[in-house]
Amino acid sequence: MKQSLTLLALGTALLLSQAARADAIDWKKVDAAIGKIATVSGEVHRYGLPRSDLHVTLDGVAIKPALALGGWVAFAPMQGEAMLMGDLVLLDTEITPVMTKLLDSGLDVSAIHNHVLRASPATFYMHVAGHGDPEKMATAIRAALSSASKTPFDPPATTATAAPAIDLDTAAIDAAMGAKGTVNGGVYQYGIPRRDPAKENGMQVNAALGGANAINFQPTGGGKAAITGDFLVTGNEVNPLIRALRAGDIEVTAIHSHMLAEEPRMFFVHFWANDDALKLARNVRTALDKTAVAQH
């Protein structure tokens, strides 16, 4: 009994120590270093880095940043410092100089790849990772993107008018998806978590760290929508998923990893279609049901 109480006391002390270290991070300094205000989800501080400077078209659709150009980095307190994960949207000419700056600063690159096909100009996605002082890592991200890419850091212009309603039957799409979406930048977005999230270096990769199925609908008129995003799946789920997507006339545009040391091993399947939004929602839900998503 005495030993159990001692172990309980030690465990409590460790949890309190970790909480104290997490509280010790001055997030205002991190905000200032990266030049953005974080969206906070639990202990995760996430910074949006959309490529609003780019004018990208795909199959005649003008891509909104929230559909497929939404770069981001997120910090989670870890062992008195922070773990960094992120996804930077880059042109091909920006990849090498940005990578060089990041590597020189001590950050890691875990993947580079496409998400969609046929886009003009072509865009690529560089996944970054790190562990250390969050203010220093934020400074490194800002320096690399500011000096070697045209990623904007100025806040978007604001107006006093409310955002217009999105031109989709979102209630019907929600019913077909079995989830509730949110409007962001003219795009209807879903973040649907897996039943058992993966872990990276002992940390749970939650939705704020990129650990959710991301499905985005951008209205294209007449009840249609362009959809893209990524499914997060284990290896044995890849082919059942992509078979379901192709059966639903949804194009599979990329299959790849984003992380290096996650458990279990995860793959990200990217997709594209422009069709009746409700039809696409039903077909996406059918594909999701081939994977271990959280109950809806």
Protein backbone atom coordinates (compact mmCIF):
# COMPACT_ATOMS: atom_id res chain seq x y z
CA MET A 1 0.00 0.00 0.00
CA LYS A 2 2.81 2.37 0.91
CA GLN A 3 4.57 1.63 -2.40
CA SER A 4 1.33 2.30 -4.34
CA LEU A 5 0.89 5.64 -2.61
CA THR A 6 4.50 6.53 -3.38
CA LEU A 7 4.04 5.70 -7.08
CA LEU A 8 0.81 7.69 -7.15
CA ALA A 9 2.56 10.67 -5.59
CA LEU A 10 5.41 10.44 -8.09
CA GLY A 11 2.96 10.20 -11.00
CA THR A 12 1.01 13.21 -9.74
CA ALA A 13 4.22 15.18 -9.29
CA LEU A 14 5.30 14.32 -12.85
CA LEU A 15 1.96 15.45 -14.30
CA LEU A 16 2.09 18.69 -12.32
CA SER A 17 5.68 19.26 -13.45
CA GLN A 18 4.74 18.73 -17.10
CA ALA A 19 1.76 21.08 -16.74
CA ALA A 20 4.00 23.71 -15.15
CA ARG A 21 6.49 23.42 -18.01
CA ALA A 22 3.68 23.74 -20.56
CA ASP A 23 2.38 26.82 -18.76
CA ALA A 24 5.90 28.26 -18.81
CA ILE A 25 5.77 28.75 -22.59
CA ASP A 26 5.09 32.40 -23.38
CA TRP A 27 2.77 31.95 -26.34
CA LYS A 28 2.58 35.70 -26.96
CA LYS A 29 6.29 35.58 -27.82
CA VAL A 30 5.63 32.66 -30.17
CA ASP A 31 2.82 34.66 -31.83
CA ALA A 32 5.17 37.62 -32.24
CA ALA A 33 7.95 35.44 -33.66
CA ILE A 34 5.80 33.96 -36.40
CA GLY A 35 3.74 37.11 -36.94
CA LYS A 36 0.38 35.38 -36.50
CA ILE A 37 -2.18 34.77 -33.77
CA ALA A 38 -2.65 31.09 -32.99
CA THR A 39 -5.86 29.13 -33.00
CA VAL A 40 -5.75 27.18 -29.73
CA SER A 41 -7.15 23.65 -29.43
CA GLY A 42 -6.43 22.15 -26.04
CA GLU A 43 -2.69 22.67 -25.58
CA VAL A 44 -1.97 22.87 -29.34
CA HIS A 45 -1.28 26.30 -30.84
CA ARG A 46 -1.85 26.27 -34.60
CA TYR A 47 -0.95 29.03 -37.07
CA GLY A 48 -2.55 29.30 -40.49
CA LEU A 49 -0.24 30.12 -43.42
CA PRO A 50 -2.59 30.24 -46.43
CA ARG A 51 -1.15 31.07 -49.84
CA SER A 52 -3.62 33.85 -50.53
CA ASP A 53 -1.01 35.37 -52.86
CA LEU A 54 -1.38 32.54 -55.39
CA HIS A 55 -4.01 32.35 -58.12
CA VAL A 56 -4.32 28.63 -58.83
CA THR A 57 -6.81 27.00 -61.18
CA LEU A 58 -7.62 23.33 -61.66
CA ASP A 59 -9.97 22.08 -64.38
CA GLY A 60 -11.34 25.61 -64.68
CA VAL A 61 -11.96 26.01 -60.94
CA ALA A 62 -10.27 28.95 -59.19
CA ILE A 63 -8.92 27.34 -56.02
CA LYS A 64 -9.66 29.20 -52.80
CA PRO A 65 -6.84 29.06 -50.21
CA ALA A 66 -9.08 27.15 -47.78
CA LEU A 67 -9.69 24.41 -50.37
CA ALA A 68 -6.13 23.36 -51.16
CA LEU A 69 -3.65 26.13 -50.35
CA GLY A 70 -3.94 26.26 -46.56
CA GLY A 71 -0.45 25.91 -45.12
CA TRP A 72 -0.04 25.72 -41.35
CA VAL A 73 2.30 24.94 -38.46
CA ALA A 74 1.30 23.77 -34.97
CA PHE A 75 3.11 23.56 -31.64
CA ALA A 76 2.29 21.12 -28.82
CA PRO A 77 4.01 21.35 -25.39
CA MET A 78 6.36 18.39 -24.95
CA GLN A 79 8.93 17.69 -22.23
CA GLY A 80 9.24 21.33 -21.23
CA GLU A 81 9.62 22.53 -24.83
CA ALA A 82 7.35 21.98 -27.84
CA MET A 83 6.86 19.60 -30.74
CA LEU A 84 6.36 21.25 -34.14
CA MET A 85 4.41 19.80 -37.05
CA GLY A 86 3.29 21.60 -40.17
CA ASP A 87 2.54 21.68 -43.88
CA LEU A 88 3.89 24.52 -46.03
CA VAL A 89 2.42 25.31 -49.47
CA LEU A 90 5.16 26.14 -51.98
CA LEU A 91 5.81 26.68 -55.66
CA ASP A 92 8.46 24.41 -57.20
CA THR A 93 10.99 27.26 -57.28
CA GLU A 94 10.52 27.84 -53.54
CA ILE A 95 11.12 24.25 -52.38
CA THR A 96 14.92 24.13 -52.28
CA PRO A 97 15.57 27.58 -50.76
CA VAL A 98 12.89 27.09 -48.08
CA MET A 99 14.19 23.61 -47.27
CA THR A 100 17.76 24.88 -47.00
CA LYS A 101 16.73 27.63 -44.57
CA LEU A 102 14.72 25.19 -42.43
CA LEU A 103 17.49 22.60 -42.29
CA ASP A 104 20.10 25.25 -41.45
CA SER A 105 17.91 26.33 -38.52
CA GLY A 106 17.77 22.78 -37.14
CA LEU A 107 14.24 21.92 -38.23
CA ASP A 108 13.40 18.70 -40.09
CA VAL A 109 11.58 18.05 -43.36
CA SER A 110 9.44 14.90 -43.32
CA ALA A 111 7.80 14.96 -46.77
CA ILE A 112 7.48 16.87 -50.06
CA HIS A 113 4.75 16.05 -52.54
CA ASN A 114 1.75 17.12 -54.58
CA HIS A 115 -1.84 17.05 -53.33
CA VAL A 116 -3.69 17.65 -56.61
CA LEU A 117 -2.96 17.16 -60.31
CA ARG A 118 -3.12 19.54 -63.29
CA ALA A 119 -3.16 22.70 -61.16
CA SER A 120 -1.73 25.86 -62.72
CA PRO A 121 0.63 26.90 -61.32
CA ALA A 122 1.63 23.60 -59.75
CA THR A 123 1.80 23.66 -55.97
CA PHE A 124 3.70 21.38 -53.61
CA TYR A 125 3.49 20.65 -49.90
CA MET A 126 6.47 20.47 -47.56
CA HIS A 127 5.86 18.83 -44.19
CA VAL A 128 8.06 20.09 -41.39
CA ALA A 129 8.82 18.85 -37.89
CA GLY A 130 10.91 19.83 -34.90
CA HIS A 131 11.33 19.77 -31.15
CA GLY A 132 12.70 22.58 -29.03
CA ASP A 133 12.08 26.17 -28.02
CA PRO A 134 8.79 27.14 -29.75
CA GLU A 135 9.80 30.79 -30.08
CA LYS A 136 13.03 29.83 -31.87
CA MET A 137 11.21 27.37 -34.14
CA ALA A 138 8.56 29.99 -34.97
CA THR A 139 11.33 32.47 -35.81
CA ALA A 140 12.93 29.89 -38.13
CA ILE A 141 9.63 29.20 -39.93
CA ARG A 142 8.98 32.93 -40.43
CA ALA A 143 12.53 33.58 -41.64
CA ALA A 144 12.50 30.69 -44.12
CA LEU A 145 9.14 31.58 -45.64
CA SER A 146 9.74 35.33 -45.69
CA SER A 147 13.14 35.12 -47.36
CA ALA A 148 12.66 32.17 -49.70
CA SER A 149 8.96 32.23 -50.63
CA LYS A 150 6.18 34.72 -51.13
CA THR A 151 4.02 33.33 -48.34
CA PRO A 152 2.08 36.35 -47.00
CA PHE A 153 2.23 37.25 -43.32
CA ASP A 154 0.18 40.46 -43.37
CA PRO A 155 -3.28 39.99 -41.85
CA PRO A 156 -6.08 39.85 -44.44
CA ALA A 157 -8.17 42.94 -44.96
CA THR A 158 -11.33 42.92 -42.86
CA THR A 159 -14.72 44.42 -43.53
CA ALA A 160 -17.66 45.20 -41.29
CA THR A 161 -20.03 43.01 -43.33
CA ALA A 162 -20.78 39.43 -42.37
CA ALA A 163 -19.37 36.63 -44.51
CA PRO A 164 -21.84 35.58 -47.22
CA ALA A 165 -23.68 32.29 -46.84
CA ILE A 166 -22.03 29.43 -48.70
CA ASP A 167 -23.86 28.33 -51.88
CA LEU A 168 -24.44 24.71 -50.80
CA ASP A 169 -27.16 22.77 -49.00
CA THR A 170 -24.93 22.26 -45.98
CA ALA A 171 -27.65 20.55 -43.91
CA ALA A 172 -28.07 17.85 -46.56
CA ILE A 173 -24.31 17.48 -46.95
CA ASP A 174 -23.91 17.17 -43.17
CA ALA A 175 -26.56 14.44 -43.13
CA ALA A 176 -24.80 12.53 -45.91
CA MET A 177 -21.39 12.95 -44.27
CA GLY A 178 -22.64 12.07 -40.79
CA ALA A 179 -20.71 15.04 -39.43
CA LYS A 180 -21.01 18.79 -38.98
CA GLY A 181 -18.92 20.99 -41.24
CA THR A 182 -17.80 24.58 -40.82
CA VAL A 183 -17.46 27.47 -43.25
CA ASN A 184 -13.95 28.83 -43.72
CA GLY A 185 -12.96 31.24 -46.48
CA GLY A 186 -15.82 30.29 -48.79
CA VAL A 187 -15.17 26.55 -48.32
CA TYR A 188 -17.20 24.02 -46.32
CA GLN A 189 -14.76 21.95 -44.29
CA TYR A 190 -14.79 18.72 -42.29
CA GLY A 191 -12.18 17.38 -39.90
CA ILE A 192 -13.15 13.81 -39.05
CA PRO A 193 -10.86 12.08 -36.54
CA ARG A 194 -9.78 8.47 -36.54
CA ARG A 195 -11.03 6.15 -33.82
CA ASP A 196 -7.49 5.60 -32.51
CA PRO A 197 -5.16 8.53 -33.34
CA ALA A 198 -1.55 7.77 -34.22
CA LYS A 199 1.30 8.82 -31.97
CA GLU A 200 4.54 10.55 -32.96
CA ASN A 201 7.38 10.49 -30.43
CA GLY A 202 4.87 9.52 -27.77
CA MET A 203 2.55 12.45 -28.55
CA GLN A 204 -0.95 11.86 -29.84
CA VAL A 205 -1.33 13.34 -33.32
CA ASN A 206 -4.72 14.96 -32.85
CA ALA A 207 -6.74 16.95 -35.39
CA ALA A 208 -4.92 20.22 -34.64
CA LEU A 209 -1.61 18.49 -35.48
CA GLY A 210 -2.92 17.16 -38.80
CA GLY A 211 -4.32 13.90 -37.48
CA ALA A 212 -7.83 13.98 -38.98
CA ASN A 213 -9.49 13.21 -42.29
CA ALA A 214 -9.79 16.60 -44.01
CA ILE A 215 -12.59 16.97 -46.56
CA ASN A 216 -13.28 20.33 -48.20
CA PHE A 217 -16.19 21.43 -50.43
CA GLN A 218 -15.89 24.58 -52.55
CA PRO A 219 -19.12 25.58 -54.35
CA THR A 220 -18.81 25.71 -58.15
CA GLY A 221 -22.43 26.63 -58.95
CA GLY A 222 -25.68 24.80 -59.57
CA GLY A 223 -25.39 22.62 -56.49
CA LYS A 224 -21.97 21.37 -57.51
CA ALA A 225 -18.75 21.50 -55.52
CA ALA A 226 -15.07 20.88 -56.03
CA ILE A 227 -13.78 18.61 -53.29
CA THR A 228 -10.29 17.81 -52.11
CA GLY A 229 -8.42 17.05 -48.91
CA ASP A 230 -6.89 13.92 -47.48
CA PHE A 231 -7.89 10.68 -45.82
CA LEU A 232 -5.68 9.41 -42.98
CA VAL A 233 -5.41 5.60 -43.13
CA THR A 234 -3.31 2.59 -42.18
CA GLY A 235 -1.66 0.52 -44.90
CA ASN A 236 -4.35 -2.15 -44.98
CA GLU A 237 -7.03 0.53 -45.47
CA VAL A 238 -5.43 2.21 -48.50
CA ASN A 239 -6.81 -0.02 -51.26
CA PRO A 240 -10.33 -0.50 -49.86
CA LEU A 241 -10.49 3.29 -49.57
CA ILE A 242 -9.26 4.10 -53.06
CA ARG A 243 -11.51 1.43 -54.59
CA ALA A 244 -14.47 3.12 -52.92
CA LEU A 245 -13.33 6.55 -54.15
CA ARG A 246 -12.97 5.37 -57.74
CA ALA A 247 -16.35 3.63 -57.59
CA GLY A 248 -17.74 7.03 -56.61
CA ASP A 249 -16.03 8.82 -59.54
CA ILE A 250 -13.61 10.58 -57.21
CA GLU A 251 -10.06 10.94 -58.53
CA VAL A 252 -7.19 9.71 -56.33
CA THR A 253 -4.37 12.24 -56.77
CA ALA A 254 -1.69 11.20 -54.25
CA ILE A 255 -0.82 8.50 -51.69
CA HIS A 256 2.05 9.22 -49.33
CA SER A 257 3.29 9.71 -45.78
CA HIS A 258 3.49 12.99 -43.86
CA MET A 259 5.43 11.87 -40.78
CA LEU A 260 8.54 9.77 -40.14
CA ALA A 261 8.12 8.00 -36.80
CA GLU A 262 4.38 7.68 -36.19
CA GLU A 263 2.81 4.56 -34.71
CA PRO A 264 0.99 2.91 -36.34
CA ARG A 265 2.32 3.80 -39.79
CA MET A 266 -0.11 6.15 -41.53
CA PHE A 267 -0.73 7.12 -45.14
CA PHE A 268 -2.50 10.16 -46.55
CA VAL A 269 -4.72 9.72 -49.61
CA HIS A 270 -5.54 12.92 -51.51
CA PHE A 271 -8.46 13.26 -53.91
CA TRP A 272 -10.31 15.55 -56.31
CA ALA A 273 -13.73 15.81 -57.94
CA ASN A 274 -16.11 18.49 -59.18
CA ASP A 275 -19.66 17.21 -59.26
CA ASP A 276 -23.02 17.34 -57.49
CA ALA A 277 -22.14 18.15 -53.89
CA LEU A 278 -24.64 15.79 -52.26
CA LYS A 279 -23.59 12.91 -54.50
CA LEU A 280 -19.96 13.55 -53.60
CA ALA A 281 -20.78 13.72 -49.88
CA ARG A 282 -22.48 10.32 -50.03
CA ASN A 283 -19.56 8.80 -51.91
CA VAL A 284 -17.00 10.31 -49.53
CA ARG A 285 -18.94 8.88 -46.57
CA THR A 286 -18.92 5.44 -48.22
CA ALA A 287 -15.16 5.70 -48.59
CA LEU A 288 -14.70 6.91 -45.00
CA ASP A 289 -16.61 3.89 -43.76
CA LYS A 290 -13.85 1.67 -45.19
CA THR A 291 -11.53 3.13 -42.55
CA ALA A 292 -11.37 3.25 -38.75
CA VAL A 293 -12.95 6.66 -38.25
CA ALA A 294 -14.48 7.78 -34.98
CA GLN A 295 -18.15 7.02 -34.57
CA HIS A 296 -20.50 9.61 -36.07
